[in-house]
Amino acid sequence: MNVIKKIKNKAVFLDRDGVINKHTGYILDYKNFHFLKGVYQAIKYANKKKYLVIIITNQSAVGRSLITEKKLLEIHSKMKNQLKKHDAYIDDIFYSPYYSYSKYKKYRLHKECRKPEIGLFVKAIKKWNIDINSSIFVGDRITDKMAASKIKLKFYYKKKTSFYYQIKKII
C-alpha cells in the first residue's frame, strides 16, 4: 500500500490592528488604515520563507453596527491589494464580528471565535493543514497572548521597532 503523507504547513498568524496597521480605534474606512513600519517587508519575508500568512482579528465593529461586513471585506481587499504592490501576500483572513450585545442575533453567536478564544485558529489550522509546532503568532494585546497560550502556539508581542527586523529574527 502506497501511503502519501501530507506535509503540514507552517504559518505566521498576525493580529491586524496594532500589528499590520496603526491602532487608532475602529477602522471604519480604508482611508484610516495606515500600515506600520516594516509590514510589507515582514510579510514578503515570511512568504519567501514559505510560511502561510494568516490574519486572525477581532472586528466587533461589525457586531456593534459601526461597519458592515461588506465594508470590512472591502477594507481587507484594499489592504491585500496594497500588500501585493510590494510583492507581499496574505493567504487568508479570519475575523470575528462577535459582539455580545449586538442587535443582530448572528453577531451574538460564535463567541468561541473571538480572541482570547481559539475558534478562528482552529478553523485556520483545519483549512490550511497547519503544523502548530512550527508556527507563530504576533499580536499586540493580552487577549492575543491568551489565545496563543490556549492553543499552544508560540507568541510574540509586536515590537515598536520595524516589523521586518522582528519577523526576520523570529523566523
N, C-alpha and C. Protein backbone atom coordinates (compact mmCIF):
# COMPACT_ATOMS: atom_id res chain seq x y z
N MET A 1 0.84 -1.18 0.00
CA MET A 1 0.00 0.00 0.00
C MET A 1 0.89 1.25 0.00
N ASN A 2 0.66 2.12 -0.93
CA ASN A 2 1.43 3.36 -1.05
C ASN A 2 0.69 4.48 -0.32
N VAL A 3 1.25 4.91 0.79
CA VAL A 3 0.61 5.97 1.58
C VAL A 3 1.42 7.25 1.43
N ILE A 4 0.79 8.28 0.97
CA ILE A 4 1.45 9.58 0.85
C ILE A 4 1.13 10.39 2.09
N LYS A 5 2.18 10.78 2.78
CA LYS A 5 1.99 11.57 3.99
C LYS A 5 1.88 13.04 3.59
N LYS A 6 0.79 13.66 3.98
CA LYS A 6 0.58 15.05 3.64
C LYS A 6 1.43 15.95 4.55
N ILE A 7 2.25 16.75 3.92
CA ILE A 7 3.12 17.66 4.68
C ILE A 7 2.28 18.81 5.23
N LYS A 8 2.50 19.09 6.49
CA LYS A 8 1.78 20.20 7.12
C LYS A 8 2.48 21.52 6.83
N ASN A 9 1.69 22.58 6.79
CA ASN A 9 2.21 23.92 6.53
C ASN A 9 2.60 24.62 7.82
N LYS A 10 3.55 25.54 7.70
CA LYS A 10 3.88 26.41 8.82
C LYS A 10 3.25 27.77 8.52
N ALA A 11 2.88 28.47 9.59
CA ALA A 11 2.16 29.74 9.39
C ALA A 11 2.67 30.82 10.34
N VAL A 12 2.57 32.03 9.85
CA VAL A 12 2.73 33.21 10.68
C VAL A 12 1.32 33.78 10.83
N PHE A 13 0.78 33.67 12.03
CA PHE A 13 -0.52 34.27 12.33
C PHE A 13 -0.26 35.69 12.81
N LEU A 14 -1.05 36.63 12.30
CA LEU A 14 -0.90 38.02 12.69
C LEU A 14 -2.24 38.59 13.14
N ASP A 15 -2.20 39.34 14.22
CA ASP A 15 -3.35 40.17 14.56
C ASP A 15 -3.34 41.30 13.53
N ARG A 16 -4.43 41.99 13.34
CA ARG A 16 -4.45 43.08 12.36
C ARG A 16 -4.14 44.42 13.02
N ASP A 17 -5.08 44.94 13.80
CA ASP A 17 -4.93 46.28 14.37
C ASP A 17 -3.83 46.30 15.42
N GLY A 18 -2.83 47.13 15.19
CA GLY A 18 -1.70 47.22 16.11
C GLY A 18 -0.50 46.40 15.68
N VAL A 19 -0.70 45.52 14.69
CA VAL A 19 0.41 44.71 14.16
C VAL A 19 0.65 45.06 12.70
N ILE A 20 -0.41 45.03 11.90
CA ILE A 20 -0.30 45.38 10.49
C ILE A 20 -0.54 46.87 10.28
N ASN A 21 -1.55 47.39 10.94
CA ASN A 21 -1.90 48.80 10.79
C ASN A 21 -1.89 49.50 12.14
N LYS A 22 -1.77 50.79 12.08
CA LYS A 22 -1.79 51.61 13.29
C LYS A 22 -3.15 51.45 13.97
N HIS A 23 -3.11 51.20 15.27
CA HIS A 23 -4.35 51.00 16.03
C HIS A 23 -4.85 52.37 16.49
N THR A 24 -5.90 52.85 15.85
CA THR A 24 -6.46 54.17 16.17
C THR A 24 -7.94 54.07 16.51
N GLY A 25 -8.33 52.95 17.07
CA GLY A 25 -9.75 52.71 17.31
C GLY A 25 -10.32 51.91 16.15
N TYR A 26 -11.62 51.92 16.02
CA TYR A 26 -12.25 51.15 14.95
C TYR A 26 -11.89 51.73 13.59
N ILE A 27 -11.43 50.86 12.69
CA ILE A 27 -11.14 51.26 11.31
C ILE A 27 -12.44 51.06 10.53
N LEU A 28 -13.09 52.16 10.20
CA LEU A 28 -14.39 52.08 9.53
C LEU A 28 -14.29 52.39 8.04
N ASP A 29 -13.12 52.85 7.62
CA ASP A 29 -12.90 53.20 6.22
C ASP A 29 -11.41 53.00 5.92
N TYR A 30 -11.10 52.58 4.71
CA TYR A 30 -9.71 52.31 4.36
C TYR A 30 -8.83 53.56 4.45
N LYS A 31 -9.40 54.72 4.30
CA LYS A 31 -8.59 55.94 4.39
C LYS A 31 -7.97 56.10 5.79
N ASN A 32 -8.51 55.39 6.77
CA ASN A 32 -7.97 55.43 8.14
C ASN A 32 -7.06 54.23 8.44
N PHE A 33 -6.77 53.45 7.43
CA PHE A 33 -5.93 52.26 7.57
C PHE A 33 -4.50 52.66 7.19
N HIS A 34 -3.60 52.64 8.15
CA HIS A 34 -2.22 53.06 7.91
C HIS A 34 -1.27 51.93 8.31
N PHE A 35 -0.55 51.41 7.32
CA PHE A 35 0.40 50.33 7.56
C PHE A 35 1.50 50.78 8.51
N LEU A 36 1.91 49.87 9.39
CA LEU A 36 3.03 50.15 10.29
C LEU A 36 4.36 49.89 9.58
N LYS A 37 5.40 50.46 10.12
CA LYS A 37 6.73 50.36 9.54
C LYS A 37 7.19 48.91 9.44
N GLY A 38 7.66 48.55 8.25
CA GLY A 38 8.24 47.23 8.02
C GLY A 38 7.26 46.12 7.71
N VAL A 39 5.98 46.44 7.65
CA VAL A 39 4.97 45.39 7.42
C VAL A 39 5.10 44.75 6.04
N TYR A 40 5.26 45.55 5.01
CA TYR A 40 5.39 45.00 3.65
C TYR A 40 6.56 44.02 3.60
N GLN A 41 7.70 44.47 4.11
CA GLN A 41 8.91 43.66 4.06
C GLN A 41 8.78 42.40 4.93
N ALA A 42 8.14 42.53 6.09
CA ALA A 42 7.98 41.38 7.00
C ALA A 42 7.12 40.29 6.36
N ILE A 43 6.02 40.69 5.77
CA ILE A 43 5.13 39.71 5.14
C ILE A 43 5.80 39.09 3.92
N LYS A 44 6.49 39.91 3.15
CA LYS A 44 7.22 39.40 1.98
C LYS A 44 8.29 38.39 2.43
N TYR A 45 8.96 38.67 3.53
CA TYR A 45 9.98 37.76 4.06
C TYR A 45 9.35 36.44 4.49
N ALA A 46 8.22 36.51 5.19
CA ALA A 46 7.52 35.28 5.60
C ALA A 46 7.09 34.47 4.38
N ASN A 47 6.60 35.15 3.34
CA ASN A 47 6.24 34.48 2.09
C ASN A 47 7.46 33.75 1.50
N LYS A 48 8.57 34.45 1.46
CA LYS A 48 9.81 33.91 0.90
C LYS A 48 10.28 32.68 1.67
N LYS A 49 10.06 32.67 2.97
CA LYS A 49 10.48 31.55 3.82
C LYS A 49 9.42 30.44 3.87
N LYS A 50 8.43 30.53 2.99
CA LYS A 50 7.40 29.50 2.82
C LYS A 50 6.45 29.35 4.00
N TYR A 51 6.22 30.45 4.71
CA TYR A 51 5.20 30.47 5.76
C TYR A 51 3.90 30.97 5.16
N LEU A 52 2.79 30.35 5.53
CA LEU A 52 1.49 30.94 5.22
C LEU A 52 1.36 32.18 6.11
N VAL A 53 0.74 33.21 5.60
CA VAL A 53 0.50 34.42 6.39
C VAL A 53 -1.01 34.54 6.56
N ILE A 54 -1.45 34.43 7.81
CA ILE A 54 -2.88 34.40 8.11
C ILE A 54 -3.20 35.42 9.18
N ILE A 55 -4.17 36.25 8.90
CA ILE A 55 -4.61 37.25 9.87
C ILE A 55 -5.74 36.67 10.70
N ILE A 56 -5.64 36.86 12.01
CA ILE A 56 -6.68 36.46 12.97
C ILE A 56 -7.06 37.74 13.71
N THR A 57 -8.28 38.22 13.52
CA THR A 57 -8.62 39.54 14.05
C THR A 57 -10.04 39.61 14.61
N ASN A 58 -10.16 40.25 15.76
CA ASN A 58 -11.47 40.58 16.31
C ASN A 58 -11.95 41.85 15.61
N GLN A 59 -13.19 41.84 15.14
CA GLN A 59 -13.76 43.00 14.46
C GLN A 59 -15.19 43.23 14.97
N SER A 60 -15.29 43.56 16.25
CA SER A 60 -16.61 43.76 16.87
C SER A 60 -17.34 44.98 16.32
N ALA A 61 -16.65 45.82 15.57
CA ALA A 61 -17.32 46.97 14.95
C ALA A 61 -18.47 46.51 14.07
N VAL A 62 -18.35 45.30 13.51
CA VAL A 62 -19.44 44.75 12.69
C VAL A 62 -20.64 44.45 13.59
N GLY A 63 -20.42 43.72 14.66
CA GLY A 63 -21.50 43.39 15.60
C GLY A 63 -22.09 44.61 16.28
N ARG A 64 -21.30 45.65 16.40
CA ARG A 64 -21.77 46.90 17.01
C ARG A 64 -22.51 47.79 16.01
N SER A 65 -22.60 47.32 14.77
CA SER A 65 -23.26 48.05 13.67
C SER A 65 -22.56 49.37 13.33
N LEU A 66 -21.25 49.42 13.56
CA LEU A 66 -20.47 50.59 13.18
C LEU A 66 -19.98 50.49 11.74
N ILE A 67 -19.92 49.24 11.25
CA ILE A 67 -19.45 48.95 9.90
C ILE A 67 -20.15 47.67 9.44
N THR A 68 -20.40 47.56 8.15
CA THR A 68 -21.00 46.33 7.63
C THR A 68 -19.90 45.32 7.30
N GLU A 69 -20.28 44.06 7.22
CA GLU A 69 -19.31 43.05 6.81
C GLU A 69 -18.78 43.34 5.41
N LYS A 70 -19.66 43.83 4.55
CA LYS A 70 -19.25 44.17 3.19
C LYS A 70 -18.15 45.24 3.21
N LYS A 71 -18.31 46.24 4.05
CA LYS A 71 -17.31 47.31 4.16
C LYS A 71 -16.00 46.76 4.75
N LEU A 72 -16.10 45.88 5.75
CA LEU A 72 -14.91 45.26 6.32
C LEU A 72 -14.16 44.47 5.25
N LEU A 73 -14.88 43.69 4.46
CA LEU A 73 -14.25 42.91 3.40
C LEU A 73 -13.61 43.81 2.35
N GLU A 74 -14.20 44.96 2.10
CA GLU A 74 -13.63 45.94 1.18
C GLU A 74 -12.30 46.48 1.73
N ILE A 75 -12.26 46.78 3.02
CA ILE A 75 -11.02 47.24 3.66
C ILE A 75 -9.95 46.17 3.55
N HIS A 76 -10.33 44.92 3.81
CA HIS A 76 -9.37 43.81 3.72
C HIS A 76 -8.88 43.62 2.28
N SER A 77 -9.75 43.77 1.33
CA SER A 77 -9.37 43.64 -0.07
C SER A 77 -8.37 44.74 -0.46
N LYS A 78 -8.63 45.96 -0.06
CA LYS A 78 -7.71 47.06 -0.35
C LYS A 78 -6.38 46.88 0.36
N MET A 79 -6.41 46.36 1.57
CA MET A 79 -5.19 46.07 2.32
C MET A 79 -4.35 45.04 1.56
N LYS A 80 -5.00 43.95 1.13
CA LYS A 80 -4.30 42.89 0.41
C LYS A 80 -3.74 43.41 -0.92
N ASN A 81 -4.50 44.25 -1.61
CA ASN A 81 -4.03 44.82 -2.88
C ASN A 81 -2.81 45.71 -2.67
N GLN A 82 -2.81 46.48 -1.59
CA GLN A 82 -1.65 47.33 -1.29
C GLN A 82 -0.42 46.47 -0.99
N LEU A 83 -0.62 45.40 -0.25
CA LEU A 83 0.49 44.48 0.04
C LEU A 83 1.03 43.85 -1.25
N LYS A 84 0.13 43.45 -2.15
CA LYS A 84 0.55 42.84 -3.43
C LYS A 84 1.45 43.77 -4.22
N LYS A 85 1.20 45.07 -4.13
CA LYS A 85 2.04 46.05 -4.83
C LYS A 85 3.49 45.99 -4.35
N HIS A 86 3.69 45.43 -3.18
CA HIS A 86 5.03 45.28 -2.59
C HIS A 86 5.47 43.82 -2.59
N ASP A 87 4.80 43.00 -3.41
CA ASP A 87 5.09 41.56 -3.51
C ASP A 87 4.98 40.84 -2.17
N ALA A 88 4.01 41.25 -1.38
CA ALA A 88 3.73 40.62 -0.09
C ALA A 88 2.29 40.11 -0.14
N TYR A 89 2.09 38.89 0.37
CA TYR A 89 0.78 38.25 0.21
C TYR A 89 0.23 37.69 1.52
N ILE A 90 -1.04 37.95 1.73
CA ILE A 90 -1.79 37.36 2.85
C ILE A 90 -2.53 36.15 2.28
N ASP A 91 -2.35 35.00 2.90
CA ASP A 91 -3.02 33.80 2.41
C ASP A 91 -4.48 33.73 2.80
N ASP A 92 -4.81 34.25 4.00
CA ASP A 92 -6.20 34.19 4.43
C ASP A 92 -6.41 35.16 5.59
N ILE A 93 -7.66 35.54 5.78
CA ILE A 93 -8.06 36.40 6.89
C ILE A 93 -9.25 35.76 7.58
N PHE A 94 -9.13 35.57 8.88
CA PHE A 94 -10.23 35.07 9.71
C PHE A 94 -10.58 36.18 10.69
N TYR A 95 -11.85 36.57 10.70
CA TYR A 95 -12.25 37.65 11.59
C TYR A 95 -13.49 37.27 12.39
N SER A 96 -13.59 37.86 13.56
CA SER A 96 -14.75 37.64 14.42
C SER A 96 -15.55 38.93 14.52
N PRO A 97 -16.77 38.94 13.98
CA PRO A 97 -17.63 40.12 14.10
C PRO A 97 -18.42 40.11 15.41
N TYR A 98 -18.13 39.14 16.27
CA TYR A 98 -18.89 38.91 17.50
C TYR A 98 -18.93 40.14 18.42
N TYR A 99 -20.13 40.41 18.89
CA TYR A 99 -20.34 41.43 19.93
C TYR A 99 -21.57 40.97 20.72
N SER A 100 -21.39 40.70 22.00
CA SER A 100 -22.44 40.05 22.79
C SER A 100 -23.74 40.84 22.89
N TYR A 101 -23.70 42.16 22.68
CA TYR A 101 -24.92 42.97 22.77
C TYR A 101 -25.40 43.45 21.41
N SER A 102 -24.97 42.79 20.36
CA SER A 102 -25.38 43.19 19.01
C SER A 102 -26.89 43.12 18.88
N LYS A 103 -27.44 44.03 18.09
CA LYS A 103 -28.88 43.98 17.84
C LYS A 103 -29.22 42.86 16.84
N TYR A 104 -28.17 42.28 16.20
CA TYR A 104 -28.37 41.18 15.27
C TYR A 104 -27.91 39.88 15.90
N LYS A 105 -28.80 38.91 15.94
CA LYS A 105 -28.51 37.63 16.58
C LYS A 105 -27.26 36.96 16.00
N LYS A 106 -27.09 37.04 14.67
CA LYS A 106 -25.95 36.34 14.06
C LYS A 106 -24.61 36.87 14.56
N TYR A 107 -24.57 38.10 15.06
CA TYR A 107 -23.32 38.66 15.58
C TYR A 107 -23.17 38.45 17.09
N ARG A 108 -24.19 37.83 17.69
CA ARG A 108 -24.09 37.44 19.11
C ARG A 108 -23.67 35.99 19.25
N LEU A 109 -23.65 35.27 18.13
CA LEU A 109 -23.29 33.86 18.12
C LEU A 109 -21.78 33.70 17.90
N HIS A 110 -21.29 32.52 18.16
CA HIS A 110 -19.90 32.14 17.87
C HIS A 110 -18.87 32.93 18.67
N LYS A 111 -19.16 33.14 19.94
CA LYS A 111 -18.19 33.86 20.77
C LYS A 111 -16.89 33.07 20.93
N GLU A 112 -16.93 31.78 20.60
CA GLU A 112 -15.70 30.98 20.66
C GLU A 112 -14.69 31.39 19.58
N CYS A 113 -15.11 32.25 18.68
CA CYS A 113 -14.22 32.73 17.63
C CYS A 113 -13.57 34.07 17.97
N ARG A 114 -13.99 34.68 19.05
CA ARG A 114 -13.42 35.97 19.44
C ARG A 114 -12.24 35.73 20.39
N LYS A 115 -11.07 36.26 20.02
CA LYS A 115 -9.93 36.12 20.91
C LYS A 115 -10.27 36.77 22.24
N PRO A 116 -9.95 36.17 23.37
CA PRO A 116 -8.91 35.17 23.57
C PRO A 116 -9.33 33.72 23.32
N GLU A 117 -10.52 33.50 22.80
CA GLU A 117 -10.92 32.13 22.45
C GLU A 117 -10.19 31.73 21.17
N ILE A 118 -10.23 30.45 20.83
CA ILE A 118 -9.35 29.94 19.76
C ILE A 118 -10.08 29.46 18.50
N GLY A 119 -11.36 29.74 18.41
CA GLY A 119 -12.15 29.24 17.28
C GLY A 119 -11.60 29.60 15.91
N LEU A 120 -11.12 30.83 15.74
CA LEU A 120 -10.58 31.22 14.44
C LEU A 120 -9.29 30.47 14.12
N PHE A 121 -8.47 30.24 15.13
CA PHE A 121 -7.24 29.46 14.92
C PHE A 121 -7.57 28.04 14.50
N VAL A 122 -8.54 27.44 15.18
CA VAL A 122 -8.94 26.07 14.85
C VAL A 122 -9.41 25.99 13.40
N LYS A 123 -10.21 26.95 12.97
CA LYS A 123 -10.67 26.97 11.57
C LYS A 123 -9.50 27.08 10.60
N ALA A 124 -8.57 27.98 10.89
CA ALA A 124 -7.41 28.19 10.01
C ALA A 124 -6.53 26.95 9.95
N ILE A 125 -6.29 26.34 11.09
CA ILE A 125 -5.44 25.15 11.16
C ILE A 125 -6.04 24.01 10.35
N LYS A 126 -7.34 23.82 10.46
CA LYS A 126 -8.02 22.76 9.69
C LYS A 126 -8.00 23.08 8.19
N LYS A 127 -8.35 24.31 7.85
CA LYS A 127 -8.43 24.69 6.43
C LYS A 127 -7.08 24.58 5.73
N TRP A 128 -6.02 25.01 6.41
CA TRP A 128 -4.71 25.11 5.77
C TRP A 128 -3.73 24.00 6.18
N ASN A 129 -4.19 23.01 6.95
CA ASN A 129 -3.33 21.90 7.37
C ASN A 129 -2.04 22.43 8.01
N ILE A 130 -2.20 23.18 9.07
CA ILE A 130 -1.07 23.88 9.70
C ILE A 130 -0.48 23.07 10.85
N ASP A 131 0.83 23.04 10.87
CA ASP A 131 1.59 22.45 11.97
C ASP A 131 1.79 23.54 13.03
N ILE A 132 1.09 23.45 14.11
CA ILE A 132 1.12 24.45 15.17
C ILE A 132 2.52 24.59 15.78
N ASN A 133 3.29 23.48 15.80
CA ASN A 133 4.62 23.50 16.42
C ASN A 133 5.66 24.28 15.62
N SER A 134 5.43 24.48 14.34
CA SER A 134 6.38 25.25 13.53
C SER A 134 5.79 26.60 13.12
N SER A 135 4.74 27.01 13.82
CA SER A 135 4.06 28.26 13.51
C SER A 135 4.20 29.25 14.66
N ILE A 136 3.90 30.52 14.36
CA ILE A 136 3.99 31.58 15.37
C ILE A 136 2.78 32.51 15.25
N PHE A 137 2.58 33.29 16.30
CA PHE A 137 1.53 34.31 16.30
C PHE A 137 2.12 35.60 16.85
N VAL A 138 1.89 36.69 16.12
CA VAL A 138 2.34 38.01 16.58
C VAL A 138 1.10 38.86 16.82
N GLY A 139 1.00 39.37 18.04
CA GLY A 139 -0.12 40.21 18.41
C GLY A 139 0.34 41.37 19.27
N ASP A 140 -0.60 42.19 19.69
CA ASP A 140 -0.24 43.36 20.49
C ASP A 140 -1.03 43.48 21.79
N ARG A 141 -1.89 42.51 22.06
CA ARG A 141 -2.75 42.58 23.24
C ARG A 141 -2.66 41.32 24.08
N ILE A 142 -3.04 41.45 25.31
CA ILE A 142 -3.04 40.30 26.21
C ILE A 142 -3.99 39.21 25.72
N THR A 143 -5.10 39.60 25.08
CA THR A 143 -6.04 38.60 24.54
C THR A 143 -5.38 37.76 23.44
N ASP A 144 -4.46 38.36 22.70
CA ASP A 144 -3.71 37.61 21.68
C ASP A 144 -2.83 36.57 22.36
N LYS A 145 -2.12 37.01 23.38
CA LYS A 145 -1.23 36.10 24.11
C LYS A 145 -2.02 34.97 24.77
N MET A 146 -3.18 35.30 25.33
CA MET A 146 -4.02 34.30 25.98
C MET A 146 -4.48 33.24 24.97
N ALA A 147 -4.89 33.68 23.79
CA ALA A 147 -5.33 32.75 22.74
C ALA A 147 -4.18 31.84 22.33
N ALA A 148 -3.01 32.42 22.13
CA ALA A 148 -1.84 31.62 21.74
C ALA A 148 -1.53 30.58 22.80
N SER A 149 -1.62 30.96 24.05
CA SER A 149 -1.35 30.06 25.16
C SER A 149 -2.34 28.89 25.16
N LYS A 150 -3.62 29.20 24.93
CA LYS A 150 -4.65 28.16 24.93
C LYS A 150 -4.43 27.11 23.84
N ILE A 151 -3.91 27.56 22.70
CA ILE A 151 -3.73 26.62 21.59
C ILE A 151 -2.29 26.14 21.46
N LYS A 152 -1.46 26.58 22.41
CA LYS A 152 -0.05 26.17 22.47
C LYS A 152 0.73 26.61 21.22
N LEU A 153 0.58 27.87 20.89
CA LEU A 153 1.22 28.49 19.73
C LEU A 153 2.26 29.49 20.23
N LYS A 154 3.46 29.46 19.67
CA LYS A 154 4.50 30.42 20.07
C LYS A 154 3.99 31.84 19.82
N PHE A 155 4.10 32.69 20.85
CA PHE A 155 3.57 34.04 20.75
C PHE A 155 4.67 35.08 20.92
N TYR A 156 4.55 36.15 20.15
CA TYR A 156 5.45 37.29 20.25
C TYR A 156 4.62 38.57 20.24
N TYR A 157 4.95 39.46 21.17
CA TYR A 157 4.32 40.79 21.12
C TYR A 157 4.97 41.59 20.00
N LYS A 158 4.15 42.32 19.27
CA LYS A 158 4.65 43.22 18.24
C LYS A 158 5.50 44.28 18.91
N LYS A 159 6.73 44.43 18.44
CA LYS A 159 7.65 45.42 18.99
C LYS A 159 7.43 46.77 18.32
N LYS A 160 7.92 47.81 18.95
CA LYS A 160 7.76 49.16 18.42
C LYS A 160 8.69 49.41 17.23
N THR A 161 9.74 48.61 17.11
CA THR A 161 10.70 48.78 16.01
C THR A 161 10.11 48.25 14.71
N SER A 162 10.90 48.28 13.66
CA SER A 162 10.46 47.79 12.36
C SER A 162 10.01 46.34 12.45
N PHE A 163 8.83 46.06 11.95
CA PHE A 163 8.27 44.71 11.99
C PHE A 163 9.12 43.74 11.17
N TYR A 164 9.72 44.22 10.11
CA TYR A 164 10.57 43.38 9.27
C TYR A 164 11.71 42.76 10.09
N TYR A 165 12.39 43.57 10.87
CA TYR A 165 13.51 43.06 11.66
C TYR A 165 13.04 42.08 12.72
N GLN A 166 11.86 42.33 13.28
CA GLN A 166 11.32 41.41 14.27
C GLN A 166 11.01 40.05 13.64
N ILE A 167 10.32 40.06 12.50
CA ILE A 167 9.95 38.80 11.83
C ILE A 167 11.21 38.06 11.36
N LYS A 168 12.16 38.79 10.84
CA LYS A 168 13.41 38.18 10.37
C LYS A 168 14.12 37.47 11.52
N LYS A 169 14.09 38.05 12.70
CA LYS A 169 14.74 37.46 13.87
C LYS A 169 13.97 36.22 14.35
N ILE A 170 12.64 36.27 14.28
CA ILE A 170 11.80 35.18 14.77
C ILE A 170 11.87 33.96 13.86
N ILE A 171 11.76 34.17 12.55
CA ILE A 171 11.72 33.01 11.63
C ILE A 171 13.01 32.91 10.87
